[in-house]
């Protein structure tokens, strides 16, 4: 009898990077809880694409679960519904995040925008990790993933690259990078691996409104590999971690940016 597939919760999985992550996990034989904030149709589409990619469609499950990760009550419900739907939880991928509604200079930015981004991009993943980690520590379940449980933070090159037209976003991602370090240190002895993936310029809905700006940025040679990043690029990195291909790494920061952050003369 085959072992049950690993179960992974991916936040913000209805589209963009989250969909790319879910598809790679499906191809790797995992079941996926597809968290979404409001677009059920997109989440259902992700689930259908995952089923088409799954090598064990009879055993794997792909379940859309609505939850706003900025809400403590929603976070608790998200974990409970994931456990109920999938029967277990072996990994958490903290992917969900938002951009500011309007890019403005930091001299004009509002506290409302700042608070909204911090709640969603930083506070939400930080305390969702707490909820999942405490479940593992309290119940000590068996893990279906090689090398133990995994927590992945999808941050951004904005964690250490300043952009004065979206300071709130940069600060939220810088804080999230530290959250990954903190949880990696706290959980390493508990056989729970924490990895930060740091995407660069990605072709998603979030960047569609500024595509021209980034096309020019790429044309000027600022990304050595000379292309946009894709959801598949991030999905492949998540898959490598979930499949246990980095067994002696925790707290590691892995750029997925085409060489953008390389120091050059």
C-alpha atoms as a PDB file:
ATOM      1  CA  UNK A   1       0.000   0.000   0.000  1.00  0.00           C
ATOM      2  CA  UNK A   2       1.366   3.403  -0.972  1.00  0.00           C
ATOM      3  CA  UNK A   3       2.054   5.991   1.675  1.00  0.00           C
ATOM      4  CA  UNK A   4      -0.376   8.909   1.860  1.00  0.00           C
ATOM      5  CA  UNK A   5       0.766  12.012  -0.018  1.00  0.00           C
ATOM      6  CA  UNK A   6       2.321  14.874   1.941  1.00  0.00           C
ATOM      7  CA  UNK A   7      -0.132  17.667   2.733  1.00  0.00           C
ATOM      8  CA  UNK A   8       0.883  21.289   2.167  1.00  0.00           C
ATOM      9  CA  UNK A   9      -0.940  24.525   2.955  1.00  0.00           C
ATOM     10  CA  UNK A  10      -0.118  27.283   0.459  1.00  0.00           C
ATOM     11  CA  UNK A  11      -1.430  30.754   1.241  1.00  0.00           C
ATOM     12  CA  UNK A  12      -2.432  33.021  -1.623  1.00  0.00           C
ATOM     13  CA  UNK A  13      -2.544  30.014  -3.953  1.00  0.00           C
ATOM     14  CA  UNK A  14      -5.379  30.995  -6.283  1.00  0.00           C
ATOM     15  CA  UNK A  15      -3.138  32.781  -8.793  1.00  0.00           C
ATOM     16  CA  UNK A  16       0.331  34.224  -9.389  1.00  0.00           C
ATOM     17  CA  UNK A  17       3.255  32.756  -7.485  1.00  0.00           C
ATOM     18  CA  UNK A  18       0.936  30.750  -5.265  1.00  0.00           C
ATOM     19  CA  UNK A  19      -0.586  28.961  -8.229  1.00  0.00           C
ATOM     20  CA  UNK A  20       2.881  28.188  -9.580  1.00  0.00           C
ATOM     21  CA  UNK A  21       3.801  26.729  -6.194  1.00  0.00           C
ATOM     22  CA  UNK A  22       0.624  24.654  -5.953  1.00  0.00           C
ATOM     23  CA  UNK A  23       1.147  23.211  -9.437  1.00  0.00           C
ATOM     24  CA  UNK A  24       4.699  22.104  -8.695  1.00  0.00           C
ATOM     25  CA  UNK A  25       3.600  20.530  -5.407  1.00  0.00           C
ATOM     26  CA  UNK A  26       0.821  18.703  -7.217  1.00  0.00           C
ATOM     27  CA  UNK A  27       3.334  17.376  -9.752  1.00  0.00           C
ATOM     28  CA  UNK A  28       5.524  16.263  -6.833  1.00  0.00           C
ATOM     29  CA  UNK A  29       2.701  14.110  -5.472  1.00  0.00           C
ATOM     30  CA  UNK A  30       1.465  16.375  -2.661  1.00  0.00           C
ATOM     31  CA  UNK A  31      -2.039  17.263  -1.592  1.00  0.00           C
ATOM     32  CA  UNK A  32      -2.539  21.025  -1.358  1.00  0.00           C
ATOM     33  CA  UNK A  33      -4.808  23.287   0.660  1.00  0.00           C
ATOM     34  CA  UNK A  34      -5.322  26.194  -1.742  1.00  0.00           C
ATOM     35  CA  UNK A  35      -5.855  29.260   0.420  1.00  0.00           C
ATOM     36  CA  UNK A  36      -7.489  32.268  -1.220  1.00  0.00           C
ATOM     37  CA  UNK A  37      -8.786  35.577   0.083  1.00  0.00           C
ATOM     38  CA  UNK A  38     -11.778  36.253  -2.156  1.00  0.00           C
ATOM     39  CA  UNK A  39     -11.529  34.857  -5.691  1.00  0.00           C
ATOM     40  CA  UNK A  40     -13.123  31.404  -5.437  1.00  0.00           C
ATOM     41  CA  UNK A  41     -13.241  30.968  -9.217  1.00  0.00           C
ATOM     42  CA  UNK A  42      -9.465  31.404  -9.461  1.00  0.00           C
ATOM     43  CA  UNK A  43      -8.936  28.975  -6.557  1.00  0.00           C
ATOM     44  CA  UNK A  44     -11.160  26.396  -8.272  1.00  0.00           C
ATOM     45  CA  UNK A  45      -9.119  26.851 -11.456  1.00  0.00           C
ATOM     46  CA  UNK A  46      -5.916  26.249  -9.520  1.00  0.00           C
ATOM     47  CA  UNK A  47      -7.432  23.090  -8.034  1.00  0.00           C
ATOM     48  CA  UNK A  48      -8.410  21.821 -11.499  1.00  0.00           C
ATOM     49  CA  UNK A  49      -4.922  22.491 -12.856  1.00  0.00           C
ATOM     50  CA  UNK A  50      -3.417  20.696  -9.860  1.00  0.00           C
ATOM     51  CA  UNK A  51      -5.605  17.648 -10.438  1.00  0.00           C
ATOM     52  CA  UNK A  52      -4.458  17.552 -14.059  1.00  0.00           C
ATOM     53  CA  UNK A  53      -0.796  17.681 -12.927  1.00  0.00           C
ATOM     54  CA  UNK A  54      -1.112  15.113 -10.140  1.00  0.00           C
ATOM     55  CA  UNK A  55       0.592  11.729 -10.605  1.00  0.00           C
ATOM     56  CA  UNK A  56      -1.741  10.164  -8.003  1.00  0.00           C
ATOM     57  CA  UNK A  57      -5.102  11.890  -8.586  1.00  0.00           C
ATOM     58  CA  UNK A  58      -6.896   9.116  -6.700  1.00  0.00           C
ATOM     59  CA  UNK A  59      -4.886   9.852  -3.537  1.00  0.00           C
ATOM     60  CA  UNK A  60      -4.028  13.546  -3.789  1.00  0.00           C
ATOM     61  CA  UNK A  61      -6.515  16.221  -2.759  1.00  0.00           C
ATOM     62  CA  UNK A  62      -6.700  19.876  -3.787  1.00  0.00           C
ATOM     63  CA  UNK A  63      -9.033  21.867  -1.576  1.00  0.00           C
ATOM     64  CA  UNK A  64      -9.734  25.611  -1.885  1.00  0.00           C
ATOM     65  CA  UNK A  65     -10.088  27.245   1.549  1.00  0.00           C
ATOM     66  CA  UNK A  66     -11.090  30.872   1.932  1.00  0.00           C
ATOM     67  CA  UNK A  67      -9.331  32.836   4.668  1.00  0.00           C
ATOM     68  CA  UNK A  68      -7.928  36.317   5.164  1.00  0.00           C
ATOM     69  CA  UNK A  69      -4.547  35.747   6.777  1.00  0.00           C
ATOM     70  CA  UNK A  70      -4.599  39.220   8.325  1.00  0.00           C
ATOM     71  CA  UNK A  71      -7.417  37.959  10.586  1.00  0.00           C
ATOM     72  CA  UNK A  72      -6.528  35.877  13.653  1.00  0.00           C
ATOM     73  CA  UNK A  73      -9.879  34.068  13.541  1.00  0.00           C
ATOM     74  CA  UNK A  74      -9.430  33.265   9.853  1.00  0.00           C
ATOM     75  CA  UNK A  75      -5.916  31.947  10.461  1.00  0.00           C
ATOM     76  CA  UNK A  76      -7.142  29.550  13.128  1.00  0.00           C
ATOM     77  CA  UNK A  77      -9.999  28.407  10.907  1.00  0.00           C
ATOM     78  CA  UNK A  78      -7.644  27.967   7.941  1.00  0.00           C
ATOM     79  CA  UNK A  79      -5.455  25.532   9.861  1.00  0.00           C
ATOM     80  CA  UNK A  80      -8.444  23.667  11.284  1.00  0.00           C
ATOM     81  CA  UNK A  81     -10.087  23.314   7.859  1.00  0.00           C
ATOM     82  CA  UNK A  82      -6.816  22.208   6.277  1.00  0.00           C
ATOM     83  CA  UNK A  83      -6.401  19.461   8.866  1.00  0.00           C
ATOM     84  CA  UNK A  84     -10.029  18.410   8.423  1.00  0.00           C
ATOM     85  CA  UNK A  85      -9.867  18.373   4.617  1.00  0.00           C
ATOM     86  CA  UNK A  86      -6.455  16.773   4.159  1.00  0.00           C
ATOM     87  CA  UNK A  87      -6.166  14.765   7.362  1.00  0.00           C
ATOM     88  CA  UNK A  88      -2.698  16.086   8.129  1.00  0.00           C
ATOM     89  CA  UNK A  89      -0.378  19.029   7.562  1.00  0.00           C
ATOM     90  CA  UNK A  90       3.275  18.477   6.696  1.00  0.00           C
ATOM     91  CA  UNK A  91       4.338  21.887   5.388  1.00  0.00           C
ATOM     92  CA  UNK A  92       3.297  25.521   5.306  1.00  0.00           C
ATOM     93  CA  UNK A  93       4.155  27.864   2.451  1.00  0.00           C
ATOM     94  CA  UNK A  94       3.680  31.482   3.517  1.00  0.00           C
ATOM     95  CA  UNK A  95       3.171  33.008   0.085  1.00  0.00           C
ATOM     96  CA  UNK A  96       0.183  35.370   0.373  1.00  0.00           C
ATOM     97  CA  UNK A  97       1.004  39.054   0.183  1.00  0.00           C
ATOM     98  CA  UNK A  98      -0.300  42.313  -1.172  1.00  0.00           C
ATOM     99  CA  UNK A  99       1.179  45.418  -2.756  1.00  0.00           C
ATOM    100  CA  UNK A 100       0.143  48.947  -1.831  1.00  0.00           C
ATOM    101  CA  UNK A 101      -2.970  50.074  -3.691  1.00  0.00           C
ATOM    102  CA  UNK A 102      -1.138  53.202  -4.831  1.00  0.00           C
ATOM    103  CA  UNK A 103       2.602  53.693  -5.131  1.00  0.00           C
ATOM    104  CA  UNK A 104       3.517  57.024  -3.556  1.00  0.00           C
ATOM    105  CA  UNK A 105       6.660  58.605  -2.199  1.00  0.00           C
ATOM    106  CA  UNK A 106       7.270  57.861   1.475  1.00  0.00           C
ATOM    107  CA  UNK A 107       6.760  61.578   2.231  1.00  0.00           C
ATOM    108  CA  UNK A 108       3.129  61.125   1.157  1.00  0.00           C
ATOM    109  CA  UNK A 109       2.388  57.549   2.245  1.00  0.00           C
ATOM    110  CA  UNK A 110      -0.486  56.896   4.653  1.00  0.00           C
ATOM    111  CA  UNK A 111      -0.594  55.035   7.938  1.00  0.00           C
ATOM    112  CA  UNK A 112      -3.681  53.185   6.692  1.00  0.00           C
ATOM    113  CA  UNK A 113      -1.727  51.627   3.830  1.00  0.00           C
ATOM    114  CA  UNK A 114       1.194  50.827   6.127  1.00  0.00           C
ATOM    115  CA  UNK A 115      -1.019  49.093   8.676  1.00  0.00           C
ATOM    116  CA  UNK A 116      -2.865  47.127   5.989  1.00  0.00           C
ATOM    117  CA  UNK A 117       0.356  45.792   4.458  1.00  0.00           C
ATOM    118  CA  UNK A 118       1.921  44.948   7.802  1.00  0.00           C
ATOM    119  CA  UNK A 119      -1.170  42.996   8.916  1.00  0.00           C
ATOM    120  CA  UNK A 120      -1.296  40.980   5.693  1.00  0.00           C
ATOM    121  CA  UNK A 121       2.342  40.617   4.677  1.00  0.00           C
ATOM    122  CA  UNK A 122       3.996  40.284   8.087  1.00  0.00           C
ATOM    123  CA  UNK A 123       1.653  39.811  11.023  1.00  0.00           C
ATOM    124  CA  UNK A 124      -0.440  37.237   9.162  1.00  0.00           C
ATOM    125  CA  UNK A 125       2.387  34.879   8.140  1.00  0.00           C
ATOM    126  CA  UNK A 126       4.187  35.331  11.466  1.00  0.00           C
ATOM    127  CA  UNK A 127       1.205  34.208  13.513  1.00  0.00           C
ATOM    128  CA  UNK A 128       0.037  31.603  11.001  1.00  0.00           C
ATOM    129  CA  UNK A 129       3.451  30.019  11.474  1.00  0.00           C
ATOM    130  CA  UNK A 130       2.904  30.155  15.235  1.00  0.00           C
ATOM    131  CA  UNK A 131      -0.424  28.347  14.895  1.00  0.00           C
ATOM    132  CA  UNK A 132       0.996  25.613  12.672  1.00  0.00           C
ATOM    133  CA  UNK A 133       4.177  25.193  14.731  1.00  0.00           C
ATOM    134  CA  UNK A 134       2.217  24.939  17.963  1.00  0.00           C
ATOM    135  CA  UNK A 135       0.013  22.256  16.396  1.00  0.00           C
ATOM    136  CA  UNK A 136       3.078  20.213  15.491  1.00  0.00           C
ATOM    137  CA  UNK A 137       4.719  20.728  18.883  1.00  0.00           C
ATOM    138  CA  UNK A 138       1.574  19.855  20.813  1.00  0.00           C
ATOM    139  CA  UNK A 139       0.483  16.792  18.826  1.00  0.00           C
ATOM    140  CA  UNK A 140       3.825  15.428  17.556  1.00  0.00           C
ATOM    141  CA  UNK A 141       2.305  13.910  14.397  1.00  0.00           C
ATOM    142  CA  UNK A 142       4.204  11.732  11.949  1.00  0.00           C
ATOM    143  CA  UNK A 143       5.541  13.626   8.941  1.00  0.00           C
ATOM    144  CA  UNK A 144       5.211  12.432   5.347  1.00  0.00           C
ATOM    145  CA  UNK A 145       8.022  14.691   4.094  1.00  0.00           C
ATOM    146  CA  UNK A 146      11.689  13.596   4.013  1.00  0.00           C
ATOM    147  CA  UNK A 147      13.626  15.237   6.815  1.00  0.00           C
ATOM    148  CA  UNK A 148      10.628  16.517   8.738  1.00  0.00           C
ATOM    149  CA  UNK A 149       8.173  19.388   8.623  1.00  0.00           C
ATOM    150  CA  UNK A 150       8.817  22.438   6.422  1.00  0.00           C
ATOM    151  CA  UNK A 151       7.923  26.101   6.643  1.00  0.00           C
ATOM    152  CA  UNK A 152       8.700  28.287   3.646  1.00  0.00           C
ATOM    153  CA  UNK A 153       8.509  32.060   3.548  1.00  0.00           C
ATOM    154  CA  UNK A 154       8.151  33.672   0.126  1.00  0.00           C
ATOM    155  CA  UNK A 155       9.472  37.191   0.686  1.00  0.00           C
ATOM    156  CA  UNK A 156      10.825  39.550  -1.986  1.00  0.00           C
ATOM    157  CA  UNK A 157      13.988  41.206  -3.162  1.00  0.00           C
ATOM    158  CA  UNK A 158      12.323  44.255  -1.568  1.00  0.00           C
ATOM    159  CA  UNK A 159      13.369  42.791   1.790  1.00  0.00           C
ATOM    160  CA  UNK A 160      16.776  44.368   1.244  1.00  0.00           C
ATOM    161  CA  UNK A 161      16.302  46.619  -1.800  1.00  0.00           C
ATOM    162  CA  UNK A 162      14.820  50.033  -1.018  1.00  0.00           C
ATOM    163  CA  UNK A 163      12.014  51.452  -3.142  1.00  0.00           C
ATOM    164  CA  UNK A 164      10.839  54.828  -1.852  1.00  0.00           C
ATOM    165  CA  UNK A 165       7.534  54.637  -3.743  1.00  0.00           C
ATOM    166  CA  UNK A 166       6.435  51.617  -1.703  1.00  0.00           C
ATOM    167  CA  UNK A 167       8.145  51.835   1.639  1.00  0.00           C
ATOM    168  CA  UNK A 168       5.351  49.976   3.415  1.00  0.00           C
ATOM    169  CA  UNK A 169       5.862  46.965   1.157  1.00  0.00           C
ATOM    170  CA  UNK A 170       9.638  46.966   1.643  1.00  0.00           C
ATOM    171  CA  UNK A 171       9.316  47.166   5.411  1.00  0.00           C
ATOM    172  CA  UNK A 172       6.758  44.354   5.501  1.00  0.00           C
ATOM    173  CA  UNK A 173       9.072  42.091   3.495  1.00  0.00           C
ATOM    174  CA  UNK A 174      12.148  43.006   5.535  1.00  0.00           C
ATOM    175  CA  UNK A 175      10.207  42.081   8.662  1.00  0.00           C
ATOM    176  CA  UNK A 176       9.102  38.821   7.072  1.00  0.00           C
ATOM    177  CA  UNK A 177      12.731  37.947   6.342  1.00  0.00           C
ATOM    178  CA  UNK A 178      13.507  38.336  10.038  1.00  0.00           C
ATOM    179  CA  UNK A 179      10.443  36.260  10.923  1.00  0.00           C
ATOM    180  CA  UNK A 180      11.929  33.431   8.864  1.00  0.00           C
ATOM    181  CA  UNK A 181      15.206  33.708  10.783  1.00  0.00           C
ATOM    182  CA  UNK A 182      13.434  33.695  14.140  1.00  0.00           C
ATOM    183  CA  UNK A 183      11.292  30.677  13.398  1.00  0.00           C
ATOM    184  CA  UNK A 184      14.233  28.816  11.856  1.00  0.00           C
ATOM    185  CA  UNK A 185      16.214  29.281  15.058  1.00  0.00           C
ATOM    186  CA  UNK A 186      13.326  28.367  17.344  1.00  0.00           C
ATOM    187  CA  UNK A 187      12.259  25.241  15.437  1.00  0.00           C
ATOM    188  CA  UNK A 188      15.538  23.735  14.214  1.00  0.00           C
ATOM    189  CA  UNK A 189      15.865  21.391  17.193  1.00  0.00           C
ATOM    190  CA  UNK A 190      12.264  20.275  16.675  1.00  0.00           C
ATOM    191  CA  UNK A 191      12.978  18.782  13.228  1.00  0.00           C
ATOM    192  CA  UNK A 192      11.156  21.667  11.536  1.00  0.00           C
ATOM    193  CA  UNK A 193      13.036  23.302   8.682  1.00  0.00           C
ATOM    194  CA  UNK A 194      12.427  26.940   7.765  1.00  0.00           C
ATOM    195  CA  UNK A 195      13.586  28.416   4.449  1.00  0.00           C
ATOM    196  CA  UNK A 196      13.185  31.882   2.940  1.00  0.00           C
ATOM    197  CA  UNK A 197      12.743  32.200  -0.817  1.00  0.00           C
ATOM    198  CA  UNK A 198      13.368  35.720  -2.094  1.00  0.00           C
ATOM    199  CA  UNK A 199      11.882  36.323  -5.579  1.00  0.00           C
ATOM    200  CA  UNK A 200      12.982  39.212  -7.751  1.00  0.00           C
ATOM    201  CA  UNK A 201      11.032  40.707 -10.649  1.00  0.00           C
ATOM    202  CA  UNK A 202       8.167  38.301 -11.254  1.00  0.00           C
ATOM    203  CA  UNK A 203       5.570  38.256 -14.029  1.00  0.00           C
ATOM    204  CA  UNK A 204       2.344  38.218 -11.989  1.00  0.00           C
ATOM    205  CA  UNK A 205      -0.826  40.238 -11.546  1.00  0.00           C
ATOM    206  CA  UNK A 206       1.006  42.297  -8.927  1.00  0.00           C
ATOM    207  CA  UNK A 207       3.534  43.625 -11.455  1.00  0.00           C
ATOM    208  CA  UNK A 208       1.192  43.883 -14.462  1.00  0.00           C
ATOM    209  CA  UNK A 209       0.471  47.570 -13.820  1.00  0.00           C
ATOM    210  CA  UNK A 210       4.183  48.452 -13.919  1.00  0.00           C
ATOM    211  CA  UNK A 211       5.256  46.055 -16.672  1.00  0.00           C
ATOM    212  CA  UNK A 212       6.652  48.851 -18.844  1.00  0.00           C
ATOM    213  CA  UNK A 213       8.867  50.102 -16.041  1.00  0.00           C
ATOM    214  CA  UNK A 214      10.333  46.654 -15.420  1.00  0.00           C
ATOM    215  CA  UNK A 215      10.674  45.871 -19.125  1.00  0.00           C
ATOM    216  CA  UNK A 216      12.930  48.934 -19.371  1.00  0.00           C
ATOM    217  CA  UNK A 217      14.751  47.878 -16.205  1.00  0.00           C
ATOM    218  CA  UNK A 218      15.481  44.489 -17.760  1.00  0.00           C
ATOM    219  CA  UNK A 219      16.499  46.055 -21.074  1.00  0.00           C
ATOM    220  CA  UNK A 220      19.082  48.125 -19.219  1.00  0.00           C
ATOM    221  CA  UNK A 221      20.834  44.944 -18.085  1.00  0.00           C
ATOM    222  CA  UNK A 222      19.887  45.062 -14.407  1.00  0.00           C
ATOM    223  CA  UNK A 223      19.008  41.350 -14.266  1.00  0.00           C
ATOM    224  CA  UNK A 224      21.970  39.242 -15.453  1.00  0.00           C
ATOM    225  CA  UNK A 225      19.793  36.361 -16.662  1.00  0.00           C
ATOM    226  CA  UNK A 226      17.872  38.916 -18.715  1.00  0.00           C
ATOM    227  CA  UNK A 227      14.280  37.790 -18.252  1.00  0.00           C
ATOM    228  CA  UNK A 228      11.276  38.073 -15.994  1.00  0.00           C
ATOM    229  CA  UNK A 229      10.894  35.493 -13.261  1.00  0.00           C
ATOM    230  CA  UNK A 230       7.861  33.208 -13.405  1.00  0.00           C
ATOM    231  CA  UNK A 231       5.578  31.448 -10.934  1.00  0.00           C
ATOM    232  CA  UNK A 232       7.157  28.193 -12.108  1.00  0.00           C
ATOM    233  CA  UNK A 233      10.599  29.444 -11.011  1.00  0.00           C
ATOM    234  CA  UNK A 234       9.331  29.912  -7.469  1.00  0.00           C
ATOM    235  CA  UNK A 235       7.313  26.703  -7.571  1.00  0.00           C
ATOM    236  CA  UNK A 236      10.372  24.674  -8.513  1.00  0.00           C
ATOM    237  CA  UNK A 237      12.310  26.106  -5.546  1.00  0.00           C
ATOM    238  CA  UNK A 238       9.464  25.289  -3.161  1.00  0.00           C
ATOM    239  CA  UNK A 239       9.295  21.787  -4.589  1.00  0.00           C
ATOM    240  CA  UNK A 240      13.013  21.239  -3.993  1.00  0.00           C
ATOM    241  CA  UNK A 241      12.628  22.168  -0.327  1.00  0.00           C
ATOM    242  CA  UNK A 242       9.496  20.065   0.164  1.00  0.00           C
ATOM    243  CA  UNK A 243      11.151  17.064  -1.481  1.00  0.00           C
ATOM    244  CA  UNK A 244      13.963  17.276   1.069  1.00  0.00           C
ATOM    245  CA  UNK A 245      16.721  18.328  -1.315  1.00  0.00           C
ATOM    246  CA  UNK A 246      18.242  20.820   1.148  1.00  0.00           C
ATOM    247  CA  UNK A 247      18.405  18.623   4.255  1.00  0.00           C
ATOM    248  CA  UNK A 248      21.171  20.504   6.102  1.00  0.00           C
ATOM    249  CA  UNK A 249      19.856  24.022   5.575  1.00  0.00           C
ATOM    250  CA  UNK A 250      17.564  26.000   7.827  1.00  0.00           C
ATOM    251  CA  UNK A 251      17.206  29.751   7.960  1.00  0.00           C
ATOM    252  CA  UNK A 252      18.712  29.865   4.476  1.00  0.00           C
ATOM    253  CA  UNK A 253      17.838  32.722   2.128  1.00  0.00           C
ATOM    254  CA  UNK A 254      17.557  31.594  -1.485  1.00  0.00           C
ATOM    255  CA  UNK A 255      17.334  34.343  -4.118  1.00  0.00           C
ATOM    256  CA  UNK A 256      15.140  33.636  -7.127  1.00  0.00           C
ATOM    257  CA  UNK A 257      16.005  36.804  -8.977  1.00  0.00           C
ATOM    258  CA  UNK A 258      18.073  35.992 -12.052  1.00  0.00           C
ATOM    259  CA  UNK A 259      21.185  37.422 -10.409  1.00  0.00           C
ATOM    260  CA  UNK A 260      19.654  40.836  -9.674  1.00  0.00           C
ATOM    261  CA  UNK A 261      21.209  41.021  -6.206  1.00  0.00           C
ATOM    262  CA  UNK A 262      24.708  40.065  -7.325  1.00  0.00           C
ATOM    263  CA  UNK A 263      27.247  42.726  -6.422  1.00  0.00           C
ATOM    264  CA  UNK A 264      28.892  43.983  -9.601  1.00  0.00           C
ATOM    265  CA  UNK A 265      31.426  46.547 -10.754  1.00  0.00           C
END
